[in-house]
């Protein structure tokens, strides 16, 4: 008999987490190994819980879903992160995928679609719900280069008001590397000031999970 798929639910809304848990526990081939309220808890407990699939919300206290995904993929490389969010903007979806998530599902999908998404990523395929697929069409209007996952992480830190030195310490990289990334971010976005970077981060959902904005 095949072992059940081990699923970890990470969402700071208990009713949402419990609802998803009750849905998934109705399937014989799924075992919910835990429900956690923020990304930091997921990072701390992933090794012990050994999930195959992590259903990850984006906007959470302490540590948001994007940062948690990046850390989890280093600490639990066998786990597949499936973002479960109410946000359908292209910025959220492309950011999630660039940070290593293998799928994106909106919270208002039919309940059986969450199971379909889990099965799909377990086969090693990417899963995007219908509402998310259209958001990933290439942009043709502004001609901007997309930011890499690392650049988005640094933009988040800078937008929180951290200095180059503080960012370097937080990410364990050199100040010179931060400065290089900062220049590249400004060039790609066509923004010259730190205030402009902060405004861009707010407008494009980069500041999720930090207590700013949503």
C-alpha atoms as a PDB file:
ATOM      1  CA  UNK A   1       0.000   0.000   0.000  1.00  0.00           C
ATOM      2  CA  UNK A   2       1.334   3.450  -0.978  1.00  0.00           C
ATOM      3  CA  UNK A   3       2.124   5.773   1.904  1.00  0.00           C
ATOM      4  CA  UNK A   4      -0.261   8.739   2.170  1.00  0.00           C
ATOM      5  CA  UNK A   5       0.821  12.161   0.973  1.00  0.00           C
ATOM      6  CA  UNK A   6       1.985  14.143   3.995  1.00  0.00           C
ATOM      7  CA  UNK A   7       0.531  17.661   3.865  1.00  0.00           C
ATOM      8  CA  UNK A   8       1.411  20.627   6.077  1.00  0.00           C
ATOM      9  CA  UNK A   9      -1.006  23.592   6.136  1.00  0.00           C
ATOM     10  CA  UNK A  10       0.487  27.025   6.917  1.00  0.00           C
ATOM     11  CA  UNK A  11      -2.119  29.784   7.283  1.00  0.00           C
ATOM     12  CA  UNK A  12      -2.649  32.416   9.974  1.00  0.00           C
ATOM     13  CA  UNK A  13      -6.455  32.163   9.779  1.00  0.00           C
ATOM     14  CA  UNK A  14      -7.491  29.181  11.950  1.00  0.00           C
ATOM     15  CA  UNK A  15     -10.899  28.797  10.271  1.00  0.00           C
ATOM     16  CA  UNK A  16      -9.274  28.602   6.833  1.00  0.00           C
ATOM     17  CA  UNK A  17      -6.678  26.095   8.018  1.00  0.00           C
ATOM     18  CA  UNK A  18      -9.286  23.941   9.761  1.00  0.00           C
ATOM     19  CA  UNK A  19     -11.548  24.047   6.716  1.00  0.00           C
ATOM     20  CA  UNK A  20      -8.766  22.882   4.408  1.00  0.00           C
ATOM     21  CA  UNK A  21      -7.741  20.221   6.906  1.00  0.00           C
ATOM     22  CA  UNK A  22     -11.256  18.773   7.105  1.00  0.00           C
ATOM     23  CA  UNK A  23     -11.462  18.673   3.297  1.00  0.00           C
ATOM     24  CA  UNK A  24      -8.114  16.937   2.880  1.00  0.00           C
ATOM     25  CA  UNK A  25      -8.709  14.433   5.671  1.00  0.00           C
ATOM     26  CA  UNK A  26     -11.686  13.083   3.724  1.00  0.00           C
ATOM     27  CA  UNK A  27      -9.190  11.592   1.237  1.00  0.00           C
ATOM     28  CA  UNK A  28      -7.670   8.242   2.134  1.00  0.00           C
ATOM     29  CA  UNK A  29      -4.363   9.020   0.434  1.00  0.00           C
ATOM     30  CA  UNK A  30      -3.670  12.261   2.339  1.00  0.00           C
ATOM     31  CA  UNK A  31      -2.395  12.726   5.882  1.00  0.00           C
ATOM     32  CA  UNK A  32      -2.410  16.256   7.329  1.00  0.00           C
ATOM     33  CA  UNK A  33       0.725  16.333   9.516  1.00  0.00           C
ATOM     34  CA  UNK A  34       0.089  19.767  10.985  1.00  0.00           C
ATOM     35  CA  UNK A  35      -1.500  23.210  10.740  1.00  0.00           C
ATOM     36  CA  UNK A  36       0.739  26.167  11.574  1.00  0.00           C
ATOM     37  CA  UNK A  37       0.009  29.889  11.825  1.00  0.00           C
ATOM     38  CA  UNK A  38       3.069  31.470  10.211  1.00  0.00           C
ATOM     39  CA  UNK A  39       6.089  30.865   8.026  1.00  0.00           C
ATOM     40  CA  UNK A  40       8.560  30.911  10.902  1.00  0.00           C
ATOM     41  CA  UNK A  41       6.803  27.973  12.560  1.00  0.00           C
ATOM     42  CA  UNK A  42       6.901  26.102   9.252  1.00  0.00           C
ATOM     43  CA  UNK A  43      10.642  26.674   8.928  1.00  0.00           C
ATOM     44  CA  UNK A  44      11.216  25.505  12.509  1.00  0.00           C
ATOM     45  CA  UNK A  45       9.045  22.374  12.313  1.00  0.00           C
ATOM     46  CA  UNK A  46       9.378  21.204   8.705  1.00  0.00           C
ATOM     47  CA  UNK A  47      12.266  18.849   9.431  1.00  0.00           C
ATOM     48  CA  UNK A  48      10.346  17.079  12.202  1.00  0.00           C
ATOM     49  CA  UNK A  49       7.008  16.963  10.332  1.00  0.00           C
ATOM     50  CA  UNK A  50       8.569  15.793   7.032  1.00  0.00           C
ATOM     51  CA  UNK A  51       5.778  17.068   4.734  1.00  0.00           C
ATOM     52  CA  UNK A  52       5.618  16.072   1.073  1.00  0.00           C
ATOM     53  CA  UNK A  53       3.518  19.119   0.228  1.00  0.00           C
ATOM     54  CA  UNK A  54       3.260  22.436   2.102  1.00  0.00           C
ATOM     55  CA  UNK A  55       0.125  24.512   1.502  1.00  0.00           C
ATOM     56  CA  UNK A  56       1.469  28.005   2.145  1.00  0.00           C
ATOM     57  CA  UNK A  57      -0.426  31.248   2.625  1.00  0.00           C
ATOM     58  CA  UNK A  58       1.374  34.473   1.633  1.00  0.00           C
ATOM     59  CA  UNK A  59       0.343  37.117   4.167  1.00  0.00           C
ATOM     60  CA  UNK A  60       1.355  35.942   7.636  1.00  0.00           C
ATOM     61  CA  UNK A  61       2.967  37.401  10.761  1.00  0.00           C
ATOM     62  CA  UNK A  62       6.617  36.853  11.729  1.00  0.00           C
ATOM     63  CA  UNK A  63       7.619  35.374   8.360  1.00  0.00           C
ATOM     64  CA  UNK A  64       5.606  35.633   5.148  1.00  0.00           C
ATOM     65  CA  UNK A  65       5.061  32.870   2.636  1.00  0.00           C
ATOM     66  CA  UNK A  66       7.656  33.986   0.071  1.00  0.00           C
ATOM     67  CA  UNK A  67      10.554  34.179   2.519  1.00  0.00           C
ATOM     68  CA  UNK A  68       9.437  30.956   4.209  1.00  0.00           C
ATOM     69  CA  UNK A  69       9.343  29.167   0.848  1.00  0.00           C
ATOM     70  CA  UNK A  70      12.900  30.207   0.038  1.00  0.00           C
ATOM     71  CA  UNK A  71      14.214  29.006   3.416  1.00  0.00           C
ATOM     72  CA  UNK A  72      12.178  25.778   3.376  1.00  0.00           C
ATOM     73  CA  UNK A  73      13.560  24.752  -0.004  1.00  0.00           C
ATOM     74  CA  UNK A  74      17.045  24.895   1.503  1.00  0.00           C
ATOM     75  CA  UNK A  75      16.142  23.044   4.702  1.00  0.00           C
ATOM     76  CA  UNK A  76      13.608  20.552   3.313  1.00  0.00           C
ATOM     77  CA  UNK A  77      14.503  20.215  -0.369  1.00  0.00           C
ATOM     78  CA  UNK A  78      12.159  17.253  -0.840  1.00  0.00           C
ATOM     79  CA  UNK A  79       9.060  19.276   0.096  1.00  0.00           C
ATOM     80  CA  UNK A  80       6.891  20.897  -2.574  1.00  0.00           C
ATOM     81  CA  UNK A  81       5.458  24.304  -1.721  1.00  0.00           C
ATOM     82  CA  UNK A  82       1.996  25.055  -3.066  1.00  0.00           C
ATOM     83  CA  UNK A  83       0.844  28.625  -2.478  1.00  0.00           C
ATOM     84  CA  UNK A  84      -2.769  28.965  -1.371  1.00  0.00           C
ATOM     85  CA  UNK A  85      -3.739  32.629  -1.476  1.00  0.00           C
ATOM     86  CA  UNK A  86      -6.582  35.050  -2.092  1.00  0.00           C
ATOM     87  CA  UNK A  87      -4.321  37.310  -4.182  1.00  0.00           C
ATOM     88  CA  UNK A  88      -4.532  36.835  -7.949  1.00  0.00           C
ATOM     89  CA  UNK A  89      -2.254  39.667  -9.105  1.00  0.00           C
ATOM     90  CA  UNK A  90       0.575  38.746 -11.525  1.00  0.00           C
ATOM     91  CA  UNK A  91       3.154  40.121  -9.082  1.00  0.00           C
ATOM     92  CA  UNK A  92       2.122  37.722  -6.313  1.00  0.00           C
ATOM     93  CA  UNK A  93       2.018  34.702  -8.624  1.00  0.00           C
ATOM     94  CA  UNK A  94       5.294  35.339 -10.439  1.00  0.00           C
ATOM     95  CA  UNK A  95       7.003  36.185  -7.127  1.00  0.00           C
ATOM     96  CA  UNK A  96       5.817  32.914  -5.594  1.00  0.00           C
ATOM     97  CA  UNK A  97       7.103  30.863  -8.526  1.00  0.00           C
ATOM     98  CA  UNK A  98      10.427  32.717  -8.625  1.00  0.00           C
ATOM     99  CA  UNK A  99      10.883  31.951  -4.916  1.00  0.00           C
ATOM    100  CA  UNK A 100      10.550  28.231  -5.614  1.00  0.00           C
ATOM    101  CA  UNK A 101       6.846  27.424  -5.204  1.00  0.00           C
ATOM    102  CA  UNK A 102       5.664  24.732  -7.622  1.00  0.00           C
ATOM    103  CA  UNK A 103       2.049  25.819  -7.720  1.00  0.00           C
ATOM    104  CA  UNK A 104      -0.436  28.578  -6.982  1.00  0.00           C
ATOM    105  CA  UNK A 105      -4.073  28.076  -6.029  1.00  0.00           C
ATOM    106  CA  UNK A 106      -6.608  30.756  -5.155  1.00  0.00           C
ATOM    107  CA  UNK A 107      -8.562  30.207  -1.940  1.00  0.00           C
ATOM    108  CA  UNK A 108     -11.921  30.447  -3.691  1.00  0.00           C
ATOM    109  CA  UNK A 109     -11.371  27.393  -5.929  1.00  0.00           C
ATOM    110  CA  UNK A 110     -13.662  24.348  -5.576  1.00  0.00           C
ATOM    111  CA  UNK A 111     -12.449  22.080  -2.786  1.00  0.00           C
ATOM    112  CA  UNK A 112     -11.577  19.202  -5.104  1.00  0.00           C
ATOM    113  CA  UNK A 113      -9.151  21.471  -6.982  1.00  0.00           C
ATOM    114  CA  UNK A 114      -6.884  21.653  -3.936  1.00  0.00           C
ATOM    115  CA  UNK A 115      -6.594  17.864  -4.052  1.00  0.00           C
ATOM    116  CA  UNK A 116      -5.954  18.024  -7.795  1.00  0.00           C
ATOM    117  CA  UNK A 117      -3.186  20.560  -7.202  1.00  0.00           C
ATOM    118  CA  UNK A 118      -1.549  18.338  -4.566  1.00  0.00           C
ATOM    119  CA  UNK A 119      -1.643  15.313  -6.867  1.00  0.00           C
ATOM    120  CA  UNK A 120      -0.175  17.355  -9.726  1.00  0.00           C
ATOM    121  CA  UNK A 121       2.818  18.698  -7.789  1.00  0.00           C
ATOM    122  CA  UNK A 122       3.448  15.239  -6.342  1.00  0.00           C
ATOM    123  CA  UNK A 123       3.928  14.042  -9.945  1.00  0.00           C
ATOM    124  CA  UNK A 124       6.654  16.650 -10.296  1.00  0.00           C
ATOM    125  CA  UNK A 125       4.542  19.024 -12.376  1.00  0.00           C
ATOM    126  CA  UNK A 126       3.674  22.673 -11.800  1.00  0.00           C
ATOM    127  CA  UNK A 127       0.054  23.542 -10.983  1.00  0.00           C
ATOM    128  CA  UNK A 128      -1.654  26.867 -11.576  1.00  0.00           C
ATOM    129  CA  UNK A 129      -5.369  27.236 -11.008  1.00  0.00           C
ATOM    130  CA  UNK A 130      -7.373  28.770 -13.847  1.00  0.00           C
ATOM    131  CA  UNK A 131      -7.437  32.196 -12.198  1.00  0.00           C
ATOM    132  CA  UNK A 132      -3.639  32.230 -11.899  1.00  0.00           C
ATOM    133  CA  UNK A 133      -2.706  31.041 -15.397  1.00  0.00           C
ATOM    134  CA  UNK A 134      -3.714  34.212 -17.198  1.00  0.00           C
ATOM    135  CA  UNK A 135      -1.652  36.330 -14.846  1.00  0.00           C
ATOM    136  CA  UNK A 136       1.618  34.821 -16.054  1.00  0.00           C
ATOM    137  CA  UNK A 137       1.368  36.014 -19.636  1.00  0.00           C
ATOM    138  CA  UNK A 138       4.506  38.010 -20.537  1.00  0.00           C
ATOM    139  CA  UNK A 139       4.183  41.727 -19.959  1.00  0.00           C
ATOM    140  CA  UNK A 140       4.473  43.823 -23.103  1.00  0.00           C
ATOM    141  CA  UNK A 141       3.535  47.280 -21.838  1.00  0.00           C
ATOM    142  CA  UNK A 142       6.358  48.569 -19.666  1.00  0.00           C
ATOM    143  CA  UNK A 143       9.225  46.485 -21.023  1.00  0.00           C
ATOM    144  CA  UNK A 144      10.716  46.024 -17.552  1.00  0.00           C
ATOM    145  CA  UNK A 145      13.084  43.182 -16.846  1.00  0.00           C
ATOM    146  CA  UNK A 146      11.692  40.851 -14.165  1.00  0.00           C
ATOM    147  CA  UNK A 147      13.473  40.797 -10.811  1.00  0.00           C
ATOM    148  CA  UNK A 148      15.158  37.579  -9.726  1.00  0.00           C
ATOM    149  CA  UNK A 149      14.082  35.880  -6.491  1.00  0.00           C
ATOM    150  CA  UNK A 150      17.166  37.240  -4.710  1.00  0.00           C
ATOM    151  CA  UNK A 151      16.496  40.766  -5.996  1.00  0.00           C
ATOM    152  CA  UNK A 152      12.907  40.564  -4.743  1.00  0.00           C
ATOM    153  CA  UNK A 153      14.145  39.442  -1.330  1.00  0.00           C
ATOM    154  CA  UNK A 154      16.564  42.397  -1.190  1.00  0.00           C
ATOM    155  CA  UNK A 155      13.865  44.800  -2.407  1.00  0.00           C
ATOM    156  CA  UNK A 156      11.665  43.608   0.462  1.00  0.00           C
ATOM    157  CA  UNK A 157      14.447  44.291   2.975  1.00  0.00           C
ATOM    158  CA  UNK A 158      15.206  47.721   1.533  1.00  0.00           C
ATOM    159  CA  UNK A 159      11.534  48.649   1.446  1.00  0.00           C
ATOM    160  CA  UNK A 160      11.361  47.895   5.172  1.00  0.00           C
ATOM    161  CA  UNK A 161      13.907  50.672   5.681  1.00  0.00           C
ATOM    162  CA  UNK A 162      16.985  48.509   6.241  1.00  0.00           C
ATOM    163  CA  UNK A 163      20.433  49.808   5.303  1.00  0.00           C
ATOM    164  CA  UNK A 164      22.757  47.964   2.905  1.00  0.00           C
ATOM    165  CA  UNK A 165      24.747  46.767   5.941  1.00  0.00           C
ATOM    166  CA  UNK A 166      21.628  45.441   7.712  1.00  0.00           C
ATOM    167  CA  UNK A 167      20.490  43.648   4.552  1.00  0.00           C
ATOM    168  CA  UNK A 168      23.936  42.120   4.136  1.00  0.00           C
ATOM    169  CA  UNK A 169      23.869  40.830   7.729  1.00  0.00           C
ATOM    170  CA  UNK A 170      20.330  39.460   7.392  1.00  0.00           C
ATOM    171  CA  UNK A 171      21.094  37.577   4.165  1.00  0.00           C
ATOM    172  CA  UNK A 172      24.691  36.702   5.098  1.00  0.00           C
ATOM    173  CA  UNK A 173      26.161  38.342   2.004  1.00  0.00           C
ATOM    174  CA  UNK A 174      28.636  41.201   1.545  1.00  0.00           C
ATOM    175  CA  UNK A 175      27.640  44.854   1.551  1.00  0.00           C
ATOM    176  CA  UNK A 176      29.132  45.162  -1.940  1.00  0.00           C
ATOM    177  CA  UNK A 177      26.834  42.395  -3.180  1.00  0.00           C
ATOM    178  CA  UNK A 178      23.823  44.217  -1.708  1.00  0.00           C
ATOM    179  CA  UNK A 179      24.936  47.429  -3.412  1.00  0.00           C
ATOM    180  CA  UNK A 180      25.217  45.611  -6.751  1.00  0.00           C
ATOM    181  CA  UNK A 181      21.754  44.105  -6.362  1.00  0.00           C
ATOM    182  CA  UNK A 182      20.386  47.497  -5.345  1.00  0.00           C
ATOM    183  CA  UNK A 183      21.762  49.119  -8.511  1.00  0.00           C
ATOM    184  CA  UNK A 184      20.335  46.311 -10.657  1.00  0.00           C
ATOM    185  CA  UNK A 185      16.906  46.618  -8.994  1.00  0.00           C
ATOM    186  CA  UNK A 186      16.811  50.365  -9.582  1.00  0.00           C
ATOM    187  CA  UNK A 187      17.928  49.921 -13.195  1.00  0.00           C
ATOM    188  CA  UNK A 188      15.368  47.214 -13.937  1.00  0.00           C
ATOM    189  CA  UNK A 189      12.500  49.126 -12.339  1.00  0.00           C
ATOM    190  CA  UNK A 190      13.582  52.536 -13.605  1.00  0.00           C
ATOM    191  CA  UNK A 191      13.540  53.891 -10.034  1.00  0.00           C
ATOM    192  CA  UNK A 192      16.245  56.193  -8.693  1.00  0.00           C
ATOM    193  CA  UNK A 193      15.366  56.618  -4.994  1.00  0.00           C
ATOM    194  CA  UNK A 194      14.844  54.373  -1.980  1.00  0.00           C
ATOM    195  CA  UNK A 195      11.459  56.026  -1.420  1.00  0.00           C
ATOM    196  CA  UNK A 196      10.545  55.010  -4.958  1.00  0.00           C
ATOM    197  CA  UNK A 197      11.545  51.406  -4.223  1.00  0.00           C
ATOM    198  CA  UNK A 198       9.359  51.405  -1.106  1.00  0.00           C
ATOM    199  CA  UNK A 199       6.421  52.790  -3.060  1.00  0.00           C
ATOM    200  CA  UNK A 200       6.921  50.163  -5.782  1.00  0.00           C
ATOM    201  CA  UNK A 201       7.060  47.402  -3.144  1.00  0.00           C
ATOM    202  CA  UNK A 202       3.793  48.581  -1.585  1.00  0.00           C
ATOM    203  CA  UNK A 203       1.996  48.906  -4.912  1.00  0.00           C
ATOM    204  CA  UNK A 204       3.122  45.504  -6.200  1.00  0.00           C
ATOM    205  CA  UNK A 205       2.533  43.340  -3.136  1.00  0.00           C
ATOM    206  CA  UNK A 206       6.211  42.810  -2.290  1.00  0.00           C
ATOM    207  CA  UNK A 207       5.653  43.832   1.337  1.00  0.00           C
ATOM    208  CA  UNK A 208       3.417  40.838   2.080  1.00  0.00           C
ATOM    209  CA  UNK A 209       3.800  39.122   5.428  1.00  0.00           C
ATOM    210  CA  UNK A 210       5.539  42.071   7.065  1.00  0.00           C
ATOM    211  CA  UNK A 211       2.644  43.840   8.777  1.00  0.00           C
ATOM    212  CA  UNK A 212       2.683  46.485   6.042  1.00  0.00           C
ATOM    213  CA  UNK A 213      -0.233  46.870   3.664  1.00  0.00           C
ATOM    214  CA  UNK A 214      -2.653  43.943   3.596  1.00  0.00           C
END
